[in-house]
């Protein structure tokens, strides 16, 4: 994968220069814990005037999406192999327009590792444009409920709360994109939950109790 032109592995000096990397000034959309990058690829194929970046630390899964993007000649796709908690090292303020969190690990025993924990939301706030939307799609009712608690705690704007995505008959793109793991969850009879929200204007502060748990998890 080191030979792939669309994969960056812990790149230095990329922060604030993504529009140079894509050679345009189009909006940037991230897929966090992207796995095989189904949402990165699926959206990039339809929205050629938007740049999409899949983030993950597991290269064996990312390889599949990166190769597909190259095979399909998707110039608006990149994959970034990093730990998501270090996102501020790779993106500048106001550089990201939108985020998707698709079937990430719910970390049932360590809330501080959940991608919607306050420490992550604070980091996202430092790289996103004001009003940028965050989408969570998950089979985990625990992560779904926890994220709603975080939305309420930080006074985020909630645009969509769907406890059972596939109970609807007409699911709009891109929510109808199914990931590899999502298909497995559906076959097992699990419900798929979806939230769409934006972060507040006021700076997010990690509550003392959450901060203590975060320190214990490091």
C-alpha atoms as a PDB file:
ATOM      1  CA  UNK A   1       0.000   0.000   0.000  1.00  0.00           C
ATOM      2  CA  UNK A   2       3.006   2.298   0.396  1.00  0.00           C
ATOM      3  CA  UNK A   3       3.106   2.405  -3.417  1.00  0.00           C
ATOM      4  CA  UNK A   4      -0.488   3.653  -3.702  1.00  0.00           C
ATOM      5  CA  UNK A   5      -0.636   7.295  -4.781  1.00  0.00           C
ATOM      6  CA  UNK A   6      -3.927   7.841  -2.936  1.00  0.00           C
ATOM      7  CA  UNK A   7      -2.731   6.601   0.479  1.00  0.00           C
ATOM      8  CA  UNK A   8      -0.933   8.824   2.981  1.00  0.00           C
ATOM      9  CA  UNK A   9       0.588   7.158   6.031  1.00  0.00           C
ATOM     10  CA  UNK A  10       1.233   9.637   8.859  1.00  0.00           C
ATOM     11  CA  UNK A  11       2.235  12.352   6.366  1.00  0.00           C
ATOM     12  CA  UNK A  12       4.235  15.312   7.616  1.00  0.00           C
ATOM     13  CA  UNK A  13       3.279  18.874   6.697  1.00  0.00           C
ATOM     14  CA  UNK A  14      -0.127  17.920   5.223  1.00  0.00           C
ATOM     15  CA  UNK A  15      -2.048  19.944   7.809  1.00  0.00           C
ATOM     16  CA  UNK A  16      -3.733  22.890   6.096  1.00  0.00           C
ATOM     17  CA  UNK A  17      -2.635  21.705   2.652  1.00  0.00           C
ATOM     18  CA  UNK A  18      -5.309  19.226   1.648  1.00  0.00           C
ATOM     19  CA  UNK A  19      -6.614  21.450  -1.125  1.00  0.00           C
ATOM     20  CA  UNK A  20      -3.101  21.373  -2.590  1.00  0.00           C
ATOM     21  CA  UNK A  21      -3.102  17.584  -2.298  1.00  0.00           C
ATOM     22  CA  UNK A  22      -6.372  17.413  -4.275  1.00  0.00           C
ATOM     23  CA  UNK A  23      -5.410  20.348  -6.492  1.00  0.00           C
ATOM     24  CA  UNK A  24      -8.750  22.069  -5.890  1.00  0.00           C
ATOM     25  CA  UNK A  25     -10.631  24.024  -3.214  1.00  0.00           C
ATOM     26  CA  UNK A  26     -13.623  21.681  -2.945  1.00  0.00           C
ATOM     27  CA  UNK A  27     -15.154  20.658   0.380  1.00  0.00           C
ATOM     28  CA  UNK A  28     -13.518  17.801   2.287  1.00  0.00           C
ATOM     29  CA  UNK A  29     -15.579  14.980   3.802  1.00  0.00           C
ATOM     30  CA  UNK A  30     -14.034  12.444   6.194  1.00  0.00           C
ATOM     31  CA  UNK A  31     -15.036   8.860   6.911  1.00  0.00           C
ATOM     32  CA  UNK A  32     -13.686   7.982  10.358  1.00  0.00           C
ATOM     33  CA  UNK A  33     -12.739   4.364  11.095  1.00  0.00           C
ATOM     34  CA  UNK A  34     -13.458   3.809   7.419  1.00  0.00           C
ATOM     35  CA  UNK A  35     -12.518   0.119   7.233  1.00  0.00           C
ATOM     36  CA  UNK A  36     -12.831  -0.785   3.546  1.00  0.00           C
ATOM     37  CA  UNK A  37     -13.995   2.731   2.745  1.00  0.00           C
ATOM     38  CA  UNK A  38     -17.458   1.974   1.408  1.00  0.00           C
ATOM     39  CA  UNK A  39     -18.778   5.431   2.276  1.00  0.00           C
ATOM     40  CA  UNK A  40     -15.669   7.148   0.963  1.00  0.00           C
ATOM     41  CA  UNK A  41     -15.908   5.304  -2.373  1.00  0.00           C
ATOM     42  CA  UNK A  42     -19.694   5.362  -2.651  1.00  0.00           C
ATOM     43  CA  UNK A  43     -19.996   9.095  -2.131  1.00  0.00           C
ATOM     44  CA  UNK A  44     -16.951   9.943  -4.233  1.00  0.00           C
ATOM     45  CA  UNK A  45     -18.453   8.157  -7.224  1.00  0.00           C
ATOM     46  CA  UNK A  46     -21.568  10.351  -7.040  1.00  0.00           C
ATOM     47  CA  UNK A  47     -20.105  13.685  -5.881  1.00  0.00           C
ATOM     48  CA  UNK A  48     -17.093  14.352  -8.093  1.00  0.00           C
ATOM     49  CA  UNK A  49     -16.909  17.994  -6.936  1.00  0.00           C
ATOM     50  CA  UNK A  50     -16.275  16.957  -3.306  1.00  0.00           C
ATOM     51  CA  UNK A  51     -13.086  15.491  -1.838  1.00  0.00           C
ATOM     52  CA  UNK A  52     -13.372  12.380   0.337  1.00  0.00           C
ATOM     53  CA  UNK A  53     -10.806  11.012   2.794  1.00  0.00           C
ATOM     54  CA  UNK A  54     -11.073   7.691   4.621  1.00  0.00           C
ATOM     55  CA  UNK A  55      -9.258   7.521   7.974  1.00  0.00           C
ATOM     56  CA  UNK A  56      -8.238   4.327   9.709  1.00  0.00           C
ATOM     57  CA  UNK A  57      -5.193   2.739  11.316  1.00  0.00           C
ATOM     58  CA  UNK A  58      -5.801  -0.776   9.936  1.00  0.00           C
ATOM     59  CA  UNK A  59      -4.081  -0.987   6.593  1.00  0.00           C
ATOM     60  CA  UNK A  60      -5.367  -4.435   5.573  1.00  0.00           C
ATOM     61  CA  UNK A  61      -8.938  -3.131   5.350  1.00  0.00           C
ATOM     62  CA  UNK A  62      -8.005   0.252   3.907  1.00  0.00           C
ATOM     63  CA  UNK A  63      -6.094  -1.502   1.107  1.00  0.00           C
ATOM     64  CA  UNK A  64      -9.352  -2.746  -0.401  1.00  0.00           C
ATOM     65  CA  UNK A  65     -10.892   0.715  -0.635  1.00  0.00           C
ATOM     66  CA  UNK A  66      -7.702   2.385  -1.788  1.00  0.00           C
ATOM     67  CA  UNK A  67      -7.220  -0.144  -4.602  1.00  0.00           C
ATOM     68  CA  UNK A  68     -10.836   0.215  -5.710  1.00  0.00           C
ATOM     69  CA  UNK A  69     -10.459   4.006  -5.840  1.00  0.00           C
ATOM     70  CA  UNK A  70      -7.354   3.639  -8.011  1.00  0.00           C
ATOM     71  CA  UNK A  71      -8.973   1.043 -10.253  1.00  0.00           C
ATOM     72  CA  UNK A  72     -12.003   3.324 -10.735  1.00  0.00           C
ATOM     73  CA  UNK A  73      -9.765   6.378 -11.272  1.00  0.00           C
ATOM     74  CA  UNK A  74     -11.386   8.378  -8.472  1.00  0.00           C
ATOM     75  CA  UNK A  75      -9.177  11.455  -8.243  1.00  0.00           C
ATOM     76  CA  UNK A  76     -11.292  12.900  -5.410  1.00  0.00           C
ATOM     77  CA  UNK A  77     -10.397  10.115  -2.941  1.00  0.00           C
ATOM     78  CA  UNK A  78      -7.560   9.771  -0.467  1.00  0.00           C
ATOM     79  CA  UNK A  79      -6.959   7.404   2.438  1.00  0.00           C
ATOM     80  CA  UNK A  80      -5.115   8.551   5.545  1.00  0.00           C
ATOM     81  CA  UNK A  81      -3.602   5.911   7.816  1.00  0.00           C
ATOM     82  CA  UNK A  82      -3.507   7.478  11.282  1.00  0.00           C
ATOM     83  CA  UNK A  83      -4.960   7.138  14.765  1.00  0.00           C
ATOM     84  CA  UNK A  84      -8.108   9.242  14.812  1.00  0.00           C
ATOM     85  CA  UNK A  85      -7.303  10.796  18.194  1.00  0.00           C
ATOM     86  CA  UNK A  86      -4.444  12.574  16.395  1.00  0.00           C
ATOM     87  CA  UNK A  87      -6.707  14.148  13.782  1.00  0.00           C
ATOM     88  CA  UNK A  88      -5.694  17.690  14.751  1.00  0.00           C
ATOM     89  CA  UNK A  89      -2.135  16.933  13.651  1.00  0.00           C
ATOM     90  CA  UNK A  90      -3.320  16.381  10.075  1.00  0.00           C
ATOM     91  CA  UNK A  91      -6.128  18.893   9.559  1.00  0.00           C
ATOM     92  CA  UNK A  92      -6.203  22.645  10.135  1.00  0.00           C
ATOM     93  CA  UNK A  93      -9.134  24.650  11.566  1.00  0.00           C
ATOM     94  CA  UNK A  94     -12.077  24.909   9.136  1.00  0.00           C
ATOM     95  CA  UNK A  95     -10.485  22.393   6.758  1.00  0.00           C
ATOM     96  CA  UNK A  96     -13.178  19.698   7.102  1.00  0.00           C
ATOM     97  CA  UNK A  97     -16.768  20.230   5.930  1.00  0.00           C
ATOM     98  CA  UNK A  98     -18.420  16.982   7.043  1.00  0.00           C
ATOM     99  CA  UNK A  99     -17.761  13.650   8.803  1.00  0.00           C
ATOM    100  CA  UNK A 100     -19.163  10.136   8.698  1.00  0.00           C
ATOM    101  CA  UNK A 101     -18.655   7.636  11.519  1.00  0.00           C
ATOM    102  CA  UNK A 102     -19.671   4.286  10.083  1.00  0.00           C
ATOM    103  CA  UNK A 103     -19.867   1.227  12.329  1.00  0.00           C
ATOM    104  CA  UNK A 104     -16.941   2.138  14.535  1.00  0.00           C
ATOM    105  CA  UNK A 105     -16.031   0.039  17.578  1.00  0.00           C
ATOM    106  CA  UNK A 106     -18.470   1.028  20.380  1.00  0.00           C
ATOM    107  CA  UNK A 107     -15.819   0.339  23.058  1.00  0.00           C
ATOM    108  CA  UNK A 108     -18.374  -0.862  25.589  1.00  0.00           C
ATOM    109  CA  UNK A 109     -15.801  -0.985  28.421  1.00  0.00           C
ATOM    110  CA  UNK A 110     -13.970   2.287  27.642  1.00  0.00           C
ATOM    111  CA  UNK A 111     -16.242   5.176  26.794  1.00  0.00           C
ATOM    112  CA  UNK A 112     -13.245   7.466  26.328  1.00  0.00           C
ATOM    113  CA  UNK A 113     -12.316   5.511  23.188  1.00  0.00           C
ATOM    114  CA  UNK A 114     -15.700   6.012  21.531  1.00  0.00           C
ATOM    115  CA  UNK A 115     -15.501   8.287  18.517  1.00  0.00           C
ATOM    116  CA  UNK A 116     -18.302  10.452  19.919  1.00  0.00           C
ATOM    117  CA  UNK A 117     -16.704  10.915  23.347  1.00  0.00           C
ATOM    118  CA  UNK A 118     -16.219  14.564  24.349  1.00  0.00           C
ATOM    119  CA  UNK A 119     -12.476  14.456  23.684  1.00  0.00           C
ATOM    120  CA  UNK A 120     -13.096  13.397  20.084  1.00  0.00           C
ATOM    121  CA  UNK A 121     -15.900  15.930  19.592  1.00  0.00           C
ATOM    122  CA  UNK A 122     -13.543  18.623  20.860  1.00  0.00           C
ATOM    123  CA  UNK A 123     -10.920  17.565  18.325  1.00  0.00           C
ATOM    124  CA  UNK A 124     -13.489  17.501  15.505  1.00  0.00           C
ATOM    125  CA  UNK A 125     -14.622  20.991  16.464  1.00  0.00           C
ATOM    126  CA  UNK A 126     -11.044  22.205  16.013  1.00  0.00           C
ATOM    127  CA  UNK A 127     -10.845  21.033  12.397  1.00  0.00           C
ATOM    128  CA  UNK A 128     -14.431  21.387  11.111  1.00  0.00           C
ATOM    129  CA  UNK A 129     -16.163  24.291   9.483  1.00  0.00           C
ATOM    130  CA  UNK A 130     -18.857  25.899  11.620  1.00  0.00           C
ATOM    131  CA  UNK A 131     -22.145  24.051  11.158  1.00  0.00           C
ATOM    132  CA  UNK A 132     -20.494  21.043   9.510  1.00  0.00           C
ATOM    133  CA  UNK A 133     -22.544  17.894   9.942  1.00  0.00           C
ATOM    134  CA  UNK A 134     -21.440  14.690  11.680  1.00  0.00           C
ATOM    135  CA  UNK A 135     -23.204  11.468  10.713  1.00  0.00           C
ATOM    136  CA  UNK A 136     -23.193   8.384  12.936  1.00  0.00           C
ATOM    137  CA  UNK A 137     -24.384   5.055  11.556  1.00  0.00           C
ATOM    138  CA  UNK A 138     -24.134   2.096  13.925  1.00  0.00           C
ATOM    139  CA  UNK A 139     -25.613  -1.228  14.924  1.00  0.00           C
ATOM    140  CA  UNK A 140     -24.671  -0.563  18.576  1.00  0.00           C
ATOM    141  CA  UNK A 141     -27.587   0.709  20.628  1.00  0.00           C
ATOM    142  CA  UNK A 142     -25.088   1.573  23.364  1.00  0.00           C
ATOM    143  CA  UNK A 143     -23.081   3.864  21.062  1.00  0.00           C
ATOM    144  CA  UNK A 144     -26.288   5.308  19.622  1.00  0.00           C
ATOM    145  CA  UNK A 145     -27.699   6.150  23.077  1.00  0.00           C
ATOM    146  CA  UNK A 146     -24.321   7.412  24.297  1.00  0.00           C
ATOM    147  CA  UNK A 147     -23.996   9.746  21.320  1.00  0.00           C
ATOM    148  CA  UNK A 148     -27.426  11.191  22.017  1.00  0.00           C
ATOM    149  CA  UNK A 149     -26.255  11.906  25.558  1.00  0.00           C
ATOM    150  CA  UNK A 150     -23.204  13.722  24.168  1.00  0.00           C
ATOM    151  CA  UNK A 151     -25.391  15.701  21.767  1.00  0.00           C
ATOM    152  CA  UNK A 152     -27.551  16.851  24.661  1.00  0.00           C
ATOM    153  CA  UNK A 153     -24.594  17.472  26.985  1.00  0.00           C
ATOM    154  CA  UNK A 154     -22.799  19.736  24.526  1.00  0.00           C
ATOM    155  CA  UNK A 155     -25.958  21.356  23.136  1.00  0.00           C
ATOM    156  CA  UNK A 156     -25.324  20.185  19.602  1.00  0.00           C
ATOM    157  CA  UNK A 157     -27.879  20.781  16.860  1.00  0.00           C
ATOM    158  CA  UNK A 158     -29.614  17.477  16.112  1.00  0.00           C
ATOM    159  CA  UNK A 159     -30.953  17.194  12.559  1.00  0.00           C
ATOM    160  CA  UNK A 160     -31.903  13.531  12.360  1.00  0.00           C
ATOM    161  CA  UNK A 161     -32.497  10.749  14.878  1.00  0.00           C
ATOM    162  CA  UNK A 162     -33.465   7.453  13.290  1.00  0.00           C
ATOM    163  CA  UNK A 163     -33.517   4.403  15.598  1.00  0.00           C
ATOM    164  CA  UNK A 164     -34.177   1.979  12.727  1.00  0.00           C
ATOM    165  CA  UNK A 165     -32.913   3.105   9.331  1.00  0.00           C
ATOM    166  CA  UNK A 166     -34.284   0.162   7.362  1.00  0.00           C
ATOM    167  CA  UNK A 167     -37.764   0.459   8.778  1.00  0.00           C
ATOM    168  CA  UNK A 168     -38.208   3.091   6.070  1.00  0.00           C
ATOM    169  CA  UNK A 169     -39.174   2.129   2.537  1.00  0.00           C
ATOM    170  CA  UNK A 170     -37.325   4.925   0.744  1.00  0.00           C
ATOM    171  CA  UNK A 171     -33.825   5.531   2.097  1.00  0.00           C
ATOM    172  CA  UNK A 172     -32.043   8.432   0.458  1.00  0.00           C
ATOM    173  CA  UNK A 173     -28.434   8.457  -0.742  1.00  0.00           C
ATOM    174  CA  UNK A 174     -25.882   8.299   0.832  1.00  0.00           C
ATOM    175  CA  UNK A 175     -27.579   6.710   3.846  1.00  0.00           C
ATOM    176  CA  UNK A 176     -28.497   3.732   1.659  1.00  0.00           C
ATOM    177  CA  UNK A 177     -24.825   2.771   1.178  1.00  0.00           C
ATOM    178  CA  UNK A 178     -24.209  -0.502   3.007  1.00  0.00           C
ATOM    179  CA  UNK A 179     -20.790  -1.337   4.444  1.00  0.00           C
ATOM    180  CA  UNK A 180     -19.401  -4.874   4.675  1.00  0.00           C
ATOM    181  CA  UNK A 181     -20.092  -4.997   8.408  1.00  0.00           C
ATOM    182  CA  UNK A 182     -23.501  -3.408   8.032  1.00  0.00           C
ATOM    183  CA  UNK A 183     -24.609  -6.223   5.736  1.00  0.00           C
ATOM    184  CA  UNK A 184     -23.462  -8.739   8.347  1.00  0.00           C
ATOM    185  CA  UNK A 185     -25.402  -6.919  11.082  1.00  0.00           C
ATOM    186  CA  UNK A 186     -28.552  -6.826   8.960  1.00  0.00           C
ATOM    187  CA  UNK A 187     -28.280 -10.538   8.206  1.00  0.00           C
ATOM    188  CA  UNK A 188     -28.048 -11.118  11.964  1.00  0.00           C
ATOM    189  CA  UNK A 189     -31.316  -9.220  12.414  1.00  0.00           C
ATOM    190  CA  UNK A 190     -29.818  -6.151  14.086  1.00  0.00           C
ATOM    191  CA  UNK A 191     -31.284  -2.674  13.715  1.00  0.00           C
ATOM    192  CA  UNK A 192     -29.189   0.102  12.213  1.00  0.00           C
ATOM    193  CA  UNK A 193     -29.280   3.451  14.013  1.00  0.00           C
ATOM    194  CA  UNK A 194     -28.500   6.868  12.541  1.00  0.00           C
ATOM    195  CA  UNK A 195     -27.818  10.327  13.954  1.00  0.00           C
ATOM    196  CA  UNK A 196     -26.976  13.543  12.144  1.00  0.00           C
ATOM    197  CA  UNK A 197     -25.846  16.551  14.164  1.00  0.00           C
ATOM    198  CA  UNK A 198     -23.537  19.548  14.179  1.00  0.00           C
ATOM    199  CA  UNK A 199     -21.260  20.783  16.937  1.00  0.00           C
ATOM    200  CA  UNK A 200     -22.012  23.941  18.946  1.00  0.00           C
ATOM    201  CA  UNK A 201     -20.342  27.304  18.350  1.00  0.00           C
ATOM    202  CA  UNK A 202     -19.123  27.386  21.959  1.00  0.00           C
ATOM    203  CA  UNK A 203     -15.865  25.471  22.553  1.00  0.00           C
ATOM    204  CA  UNK A 204     -16.437  21.918  23.757  1.00  0.00           C
ATOM    205  CA  UNK A 205     -15.063  21.260  27.230  1.00  0.00           C
ATOM    206  CA  UNK A 206     -14.351  17.706  28.384  1.00  0.00           C
ATOM    207  CA  UNK A 207     -16.176  17.211  31.717  1.00  0.00           C
ATOM    208  CA  UNK A 208     -13.866  16.314  34.672  1.00  0.00           C
ATOM    209  CA  UNK A 209     -15.281  12.803  35.006  1.00  0.00           C
ATOM    210  CA  UNK A 210     -14.763  12.087  31.302  1.00  0.00           C
ATOM    211  CA  UNK A 211     -11.291  13.597  31.422  1.00  0.00           C
ATOM    212  CA  UNK A 212     -10.345  11.275  34.296  1.00  0.00           C
ATOM    213  CA  UNK A 213     -11.604   8.255  32.378  1.00  0.00           C
ATOM    214  CA  UNK A 214      -9.671   9.437  29.321  1.00  0.00           C
ATOM    215  CA  UNK A 215      -6.423   9.646  31.294  1.00  0.00           C
ATOM    216  CA  UNK A 216      -6.987   6.159  32.709  1.00  0.00           C
ATOM    217  CA  UNK A 217      -7.525   4.790  29.205  1.00  0.00           C
ATOM    218  CA  UNK A 218      -4.272   6.174  27.771  1.00  0.00           C
END
